[in-house]
Amino acid sequence: AYCLLNFGDSITTDHISPAGSIHNDSPAAKYLMERGVDRRDFNSYGSRRGNHEIMARGTFANIRLVNKLLNGEVGPKTIHIPTGEKLSVFDAAMRYKYEGHDTVILAGAEYGSGSSRD
């Protein structure tokens, strides 16, 4: 299995579950634009939480995410290990799936604690 994300301690559900506005360069935004939704109508992940496609693309999309694979860089990105390409977490996960590779997430103490349940 390839490491999709490598976290330290205190990665909470607020880091995992989509929240806040849908950023213009995110996989969720791309999905919406491909379906004719204007940027001004993206709204927030919370307003679209009934849409599985948006929520899947927003998982680990927190702008404060610190992934050790990125050497301290902050944001919802990771490295596709076979190519070294920096991708959104969703795009990397889908590429691994398409290639038939399993993935793991490494995380420390308190991983998944918090109140977000989307």
N, C-alpha and C. Protein backbone atom coordinates (compact mmCIF):
# COMPACT_ATOMS: atom_id res chain seq x y z
N ALA A 1 0.84 -1.19 0.00
CA ALA A 1 0.00 0.00 0.00
C ALA A 1 0.89 1.25 0.00
N TYR A 2 0.42 2.28 -0.65
CA TYR A 2 1.11 3.57 -0.65
C TYR A 2 0.53 4.45 0.44
N CYS A 3 1.35 5.31 0.99
CA CYS A 3 0.90 6.27 1.99
C CYS A 3 0.22 7.44 1.27
N LEU A 4 -1.05 7.62 1.53
CA LEU A 4 -1.80 8.74 0.94
C LEU A 4 -1.53 10.02 1.72
N LEU A 5 -1.55 9.92 3.04
CA LEU A 5 -1.33 11.07 3.92
C LEU A 5 -0.53 10.61 5.13
N ASN A 6 0.33 11.47 5.62
CA ASN A 6 1.13 11.18 6.80
C ASN A 6 0.98 12.36 7.76
N PHE A 7 0.24 12.13 8.83
CA PHE A 7 -0.06 13.18 9.80
C PHE A 7 0.68 12.94 11.11
N GLY A 8 0.77 13.97 11.89
CA GLY A 8 1.21 13.84 13.26
C GLY A 8 0.00 13.67 14.16
N ASP A 9 0.07 14.22 15.33
CA ASP A 9 -1.03 14.14 16.29
C ASP A 9 -2.07 15.22 16.01
N SER A 10 -3.23 15.04 16.63
CA SER A 10 -4.30 16.04 16.67
C SER A 10 -4.92 16.35 15.31
N ILE A 11 -5.08 15.36 14.46
CA ILE A 11 -5.85 15.53 13.23
C ILE A 11 -7.29 15.16 13.59
N THR A 12 -8.13 16.15 13.65
CA THR A 12 -9.50 15.96 14.13
C THR A 12 -10.48 15.80 12.97
N THR A 13 -11.72 15.59 13.32
CA THR A 13 -12.75 15.48 12.30
C THR A 13 -12.91 16.78 11.53
N ASP A 14 -12.50 17.90 12.12
CA ASP A 14 -12.54 19.17 11.39
C ASP A 14 -11.54 19.19 10.23
N HIS A 15 -10.47 18.44 10.33
CA HIS A 15 -9.51 18.31 9.24
C HIS A 15 -10.00 17.31 8.19
N ILE A 16 -10.75 16.34 8.63
CA ILE A 16 -11.17 15.23 7.76
C ILE A 16 -12.45 15.57 7.00
N SER A 17 -13.48 16.01 7.72
CA SER A 17 -14.78 16.27 7.10
C SER A 17 -14.78 17.60 6.39
N PRO A 18 -15.40 17.66 5.22
CA PRO A 18 -15.47 18.93 4.48
C PRO A 18 -16.26 19.98 5.24
N ALA A 19 -15.72 21.18 5.27
CA ALA A 19 -16.39 22.30 5.93
C ALA A 19 -15.93 23.58 5.25
N GLY A 20 -16.70 24.62 5.42
CA GLY A 20 -16.32 25.91 4.87
C GLY A 20 -16.64 26.03 3.39
N SER A 21 -16.08 27.06 2.80
CA SER A 21 -16.38 27.34 1.40
C SER A 21 -15.68 26.35 0.47
N ILE A 22 -16.24 26.18 -0.70
CA ILE A 22 -15.65 25.33 -1.74
C ILE A 22 -14.69 26.21 -2.53
N HIS A 23 -13.40 25.92 -2.42
CA HIS A 23 -12.39 26.74 -3.09
C HIS A 23 -12.41 26.52 -4.60
N ASN A 24 -12.15 27.58 -5.33
CA ASN A 24 -12.25 27.56 -6.79
C ASN A 24 -11.36 26.55 -7.49
N ASP A 25 -10.25 26.17 -6.88
CA ASP A 25 -9.34 25.22 -7.53
C ASP A 25 -9.43 23.81 -6.95
N SER A 26 -10.48 23.53 -6.21
CA SER A 26 -10.64 22.22 -5.57
C SER A 26 -11.32 21.20 -6.49
N PRO A 27 -11.16 19.91 -6.18
CA PRO A 27 -11.88 18.88 -6.95
C PRO A 27 -13.40 19.07 -6.91
N ALA A 28 -13.93 19.55 -5.79
CA ALA A 28 -15.38 19.80 -5.69
C ALA A 28 -15.79 20.91 -6.66
N ALA A 29 -14.98 21.96 -6.75
CA ALA A 29 -15.27 23.06 -7.68
C ALA A 29 -15.22 22.56 -9.12
N LYS A 30 -14.22 21.77 -9.43
CA LYS A 30 -14.12 21.21 -10.79
C LYS A 30 -15.36 20.39 -11.13
N TYR A 31 -15.80 19.57 -10.19
CA TYR A 31 -17.00 18.76 -10.38
C TYR A 31 -18.22 19.64 -10.66
N LEU A 32 -18.37 20.71 -9.86
CA LEU A 32 -19.51 21.61 -10.04
C LEU A 32 -19.43 22.34 -11.39
N MET A 33 -18.26 22.83 -11.74
CA MET A 33 -18.10 23.55 -13.02
C MET A 33 -18.40 22.64 -14.21
N GLU A 34 -17.99 21.38 -14.12
CA GLU A 34 -18.26 20.43 -15.20
C GLU A 34 -19.76 20.19 -15.38
N ARG A 35 -20.53 20.53 -14.37
CA ARG A 35 -21.98 20.37 -14.42
C ARG A 35 -22.70 21.70 -14.61
N GLY A 36 -21.97 22.73 -14.98
CA GLY A 36 -22.57 24.01 -15.32
C GLY A 36 -22.89 24.92 -14.16
N VAL A 37 -22.37 24.64 -12.97
CA VAL A 37 -22.64 25.49 -11.82
C VAL A 37 -21.66 26.67 -11.85
N ASP A 38 -22.19 27.86 -11.77
CA ASP A 38 -21.37 29.07 -11.76
C ASP A 38 -20.61 29.17 -10.44
N ARG A 39 -19.41 29.73 -10.50
CA ARG A 39 -18.57 29.86 -9.30
C ARG A 39 -19.29 30.56 -8.15
N ARG A 40 -20.09 31.56 -8.46
CA ARG A 40 -20.76 32.29 -7.38
C ARG A 40 -21.82 31.43 -6.68
N ASP A 41 -22.17 30.29 -7.27
CA ASP A 41 -23.17 29.41 -6.68
C ASP A 41 -22.56 28.17 -6.01
N PHE A 42 -21.24 28.13 -5.87
CA PHE A 42 -20.61 26.97 -5.21
C PHE A 42 -21.10 26.81 -3.78
N ASN A 43 -21.18 27.91 -3.06
CA ASN A 43 -21.61 27.93 -1.67
C ASN A 43 -20.61 27.19 -0.80
N SER A 44 -21.07 26.38 0.15
CA SER A 44 -20.19 25.72 1.10
C SER A 44 -20.41 24.20 1.07
N TYR A 45 -19.46 23.48 1.66
CA TYR A 45 -19.63 22.03 1.77
C TYR A 45 -20.87 21.71 2.61
N GLY A 46 -21.10 22.49 3.66
CA GLY A 46 -22.26 22.26 4.52
C GLY A 46 -23.56 22.36 3.77
N SER A 47 -23.66 23.29 2.82
CA SER A 47 -24.89 23.45 2.06
C SER A 47 -25.08 22.34 1.03
N ARG A 48 -24.02 21.60 0.74
CA ARG A 48 -24.08 20.52 -0.25
C ARG A 48 -23.81 19.15 0.38
N ARG A 49 -23.98 19.04 1.69
CA ARG A 49 -23.61 17.79 2.35
C ARG A 49 -24.48 16.60 1.99
N GLY A 50 -25.58 16.83 1.31
CA GLY A 50 -26.39 15.72 0.82
C GLY A 50 -25.88 15.16 -0.49
N ASN A 51 -24.84 15.77 -1.06
CA ASN A 51 -24.29 15.34 -2.34
C ASN A 51 -23.00 14.55 -2.09
N HIS A 52 -23.08 13.25 -2.24
CA HIS A 52 -21.93 12.37 -2.00
C HIS A 52 -20.72 12.77 -2.83
N GLU A 53 -20.92 13.14 -4.08
CA GLU A 53 -19.80 13.47 -4.97
C GLU A 53 -19.03 14.69 -4.46
N ILE A 54 -19.74 15.67 -3.93
CA ILE A 54 -19.08 16.86 -3.39
C ILE A 54 -18.36 16.51 -2.10
N MET A 55 -19.02 15.76 -1.23
CA MET A 55 -18.42 15.44 0.06
C MET A 55 -17.19 14.54 -0.10
N ALA A 56 -17.22 13.61 -1.03
CA ALA A 56 -16.05 12.76 -1.26
C ALA A 56 -14.87 13.61 -1.73
N ARG A 57 -15.15 14.58 -2.57
CA ARG A 57 -14.09 15.45 -3.07
C ARG A 57 -13.60 16.44 -2.02
N GLY A 58 -14.38 16.64 -0.99
CA GLY A 58 -14.01 17.57 0.07
C GLY A 58 -13.34 16.93 1.27
N THR A 59 -13.31 15.61 1.33
CA THR A 59 -12.67 14.94 2.46
C THR A 59 -11.17 15.26 2.44
N PHE A 60 -10.64 15.65 3.56
CA PHE A 60 -9.25 16.09 3.70
C PHE A 60 -8.95 17.33 2.86
N ALA A 61 -9.94 18.18 2.63
CA ALA A 61 -9.74 19.42 1.86
C ALA A 61 -9.48 20.62 2.75
N ASN A 62 -9.22 20.40 4.01
CA ASN A 62 -8.98 21.49 4.96
C ASN A 62 -7.71 22.24 4.58
N ILE A 63 -7.80 23.56 4.52
CA ILE A 63 -6.66 24.38 4.09
C ILE A 63 -5.56 24.44 5.15
N ARG A 64 -5.82 23.95 6.35
CA ARG A 64 -4.81 23.94 7.42
C ARG A 64 -4.19 22.55 7.61
N LEU A 65 -4.47 21.65 6.71
CA LEU A 65 -3.95 20.29 6.80
C LEU A 65 -2.43 20.28 6.64
N VAL A 66 -1.75 19.58 7.52
CA VAL A 66 -0.29 19.44 7.42
C VAL A 66 0.02 17.97 7.14
N ASN A 67 0.48 17.71 5.94
CA ASN A 67 0.82 16.36 5.50
C ASN A 67 2.34 16.26 5.46
N LYS A 68 2.92 15.38 6.25
CA LYS A 68 4.37 15.26 6.33
C LYS A 68 5.01 14.88 5.00
N LEU A 69 4.23 14.33 4.09
CA LEU A 69 4.77 14.00 2.76
C LEU A 69 5.14 15.26 1.99
N LEU A 70 4.62 16.41 2.42
CA LEU A 70 4.88 17.68 1.74
C LEU A 70 5.90 18.55 2.47
N ASN A 71 6.62 17.97 3.40
CA ASN A 71 7.70 18.68 4.09
C ASN A 71 7.28 20.02 4.69
N GLY A 72 6.17 20.02 5.41
CA GLY A 72 5.72 21.21 6.11
C GLY A 72 4.77 22.12 5.35
N GLU A 73 4.56 21.85 4.08
CA GLU A 73 3.60 22.65 3.31
C GLU A 73 2.19 22.42 3.86
N VAL A 74 1.42 23.48 3.95
CA VAL A 74 0.07 23.40 4.50
C VAL A 74 -0.95 23.46 3.37
N GLY A 75 -1.97 22.61 3.44
CA GLY A 75 -3.04 22.62 2.47
C GLY A 75 -3.48 21.21 2.09
N PRO A 76 -4.56 21.11 1.32
CA PRO A 76 -5.18 19.81 1.01
C PRO A 76 -4.52 19.09 -0.17
N LYS A 77 -3.23 18.89 -0.08
CA LYS A 77 -2.48 18.24 -1.16
C LYS A 77 -1.72 17.04 -0.61
N THR A 78 -1.24 16.20 -1.51
CA THR A 78 -0.37 15.09 -1.15
C THR A 78 0.53 14.79 -2.34
N ILE A 79 1.38 13.82 -2.17
CA ILE A 79 2.28 13.39 -3.23
C ILE A 79 1.83 12.04 -3.74
N HIS A 80 1.70 11.91 -5.05
CA HIS A 80 1.49 10.61 -5.67
C HIS A 80 2.87 9.97 -5.73
N ILE A 81 3.13 9.05 -4.84
CA ILE A 81 4.48 8.54 -4.62
C ILE A 81 5.13 7.96 -5.89
N PRO A 82 4.43 7.16 -6.70
CA PRO A 82 5.12 6.61 -7.87
C PRO A 82 5.66 7.66 -8.84
N THR A 83 4.97 8.81 -8.95
CA THR A 83 5.41 9.83 -9.92
C THR A 83 6.03 11.06 -9.27
N GLY A 84 5.81 11.24 -7.96
CA GLY A 84 6.29 12.43 -7.28
C GLY A 84 5.44 13.66 -7.53
N GLU A 85 4.33 13.48 -8.24
CA GLU A 85 3.45 14.60 -8.58
C GLU A 85 2.65 15.04 -7.36
N LYS A 86 2.53 16.37 -7.17
CA LYS A 86 1.70 16.91 -6.09
C LYS A 86 0.28 17.05 -6.61
N LEU A 87 -0.67 16.44 -5.89
CA LEU A 87 -2.08 16.42 -6.30
C LEU A 87 -2.97 16.74 -5.12
N SER A 88 -4.23 17.06 -5.41
CA SER A 88 -5.21 17.13 -4.33
C SER A 88 -5.34 15.74 -3.74
N VAL A 89 -5.76 15.67 -2.49
CA VAL A 89 -5.91 14.37 -1.84
C VAL A 89 -6.90 13.50 -2.62
N PHE A 90 -8.01 14.08 -3.04
CA PHE A 90 -9.01 13.31 -3.80
C PHE A 90 -8.42 12.77 -5.10
N ASP A 91 -7.74 13.62 -5.86
CA ASP A 91 -7.19 13.18 -7.14
C ASP A 91 -6.13 12.10 -6.95
N ALA A 92 -5.31 12.22 -5.93
CA ALA A 92 -4.31 11.19 -5.66
C ALA A 92 -4.99 9.87 -5.29
N ALA A 93 -6.01 9.94 -4.44
CA ALA A 93 -6.72 8.73 -4.04
C ALA A 93 -7.36 8.04 -5.24
N MET A 94 -7.95 8.83 -6.13
CA MET A 94 -8.58 8.24 -7.32
C MET A 94 -7.53 7.65 -8.27
N ARG A 95 -6.39 8.28 -8.36
CA ARG A 95 -5.34 7.73 -9.22
C ARG A 95 -4.85 6.38 -8.67
N TYR A 96 -4.61 6.33 -7.36
CA TYR A 96 -4.21 5.06 -6.76
C TYR A 96 -5.27 3.98 -7.00
N LYS A 97 -6.53 4.34 -6.83
CA LYS A 97 -7.62 3.38 -7.04
C LYS A 97 -7.61 2.89 -8.49
N TYR A 98 -7.49 3.81 -9.42
CA TYR A 98 -7.47 3.46 -10.85
C TYR A 98 -6.30 2.53 -11.17
N GLU A 99 -5.16 2.77 -10.53
CA GLU A 99 -3.97 1.96 -10.76
C GLU A 99 -4.00 0.63 -10.01
N GLY A 100 -5.02 0.45 -9.17
CA GLY A 100 -5.15 -0.81 -8.42
C GLY A 100 -4.29 -0.89 -7.18
N HIS A 101 -3.90 0.27 -6.63
CA HIS A 101 -3.06 0.30 -5.44
C HIS A 101 -3.88 0.62 -4.20
N ASP A 102 -3.59 -0.08 -3.12
CA ASP A 102 -4.17 0.25 -1.83
C ASP A 102 -3.43 1.45 -1.25
N THR A 103 -4.09 2.15 -0.32
CA THR A 103 -3.47 3.29 0.35
C THR A 103 -3.69 3.20 1.85
N VAL A 104 -2.85 3.88 2.59
CA VAL A 104 -2.99 3.99 4.04
C VAL A 104 -2.83 5.45 4.43
N ILE A 105 -3.38 5.79 5.57
CA ILE A 105 -3.20 7.11 6.18
C ILE A 105 -2.52 6.87 7.51
N LEU A 106 -1.39 7.53 7.73
CA LEU A 106 -0.67 7.44 8.99
C LEU A 106 -1.04 8.64 9.84
N ALA A 107 -1.45 8.38 11.08
CA ALA A 107 -1.84 9.48 11.96
C ALA A 107 -1.54 9.11 13.40
N GLY A 108 -1.33 10.13 14.22
CA GLY A 108 -0.96 9.93 15.61
C GLY A 108 -2.13 10.03 16.56
N ALA A 109 -1.82 10.46 17.76
CA ALA A 109 -2.79 10.54 18.84
C ALA A 109 -3.95 11.46 18.46
N GLU A 110 -5.12 11.09 18.89
CA GLU A 110 -6.35 11.86 18.72
C GLU A 110 -6.85 11.91 17.29
N TYR A 111 -6.33 11.06 16.41
CA TYR A 111 -6.82 11.04 15.03
C TYR A 111 -8.33 10.80 15.03
N GLY A 112 -9.07 11.65 14.37
CA GLY A 112 -10.51 11.48 14.24
C GLY A 112 -11.33 11.98 15.40
N SER A 113 -10.70 12.57 16.41
CA SER A 113 -11.49 13.12 17.51
C SER A 113 -12.15 14.41 17.04
N GLY A 114 -13.21 14.76 17.68
CA GLY A 114 -13.93 15.98 17.31
C GLY A 114 -15.39 15.71 17.09
N SER A 115 -16.09 16.72 16.61
CA SER A 115 -17.54 16.64 16.52
C SER A 115 -18.10 16.59 15.10
N SER A 116 -17.29 16.81 14.08
CA SER A 116 -17.81 16.77 12.71
C SER A 116 -18.21 15.34 12.37
N ARG A 117 -19.37 15.18 11.78
CA ARG A 117 -19.86 13.83 11.49
C ARG A 117 -20.28 13.66 10.04
N ASP A 118 -20.00 14.63 9.18
CA ASP A 118 -20.34 14.48 7.76
C ASP A 118 -19.46 13.45 7.13
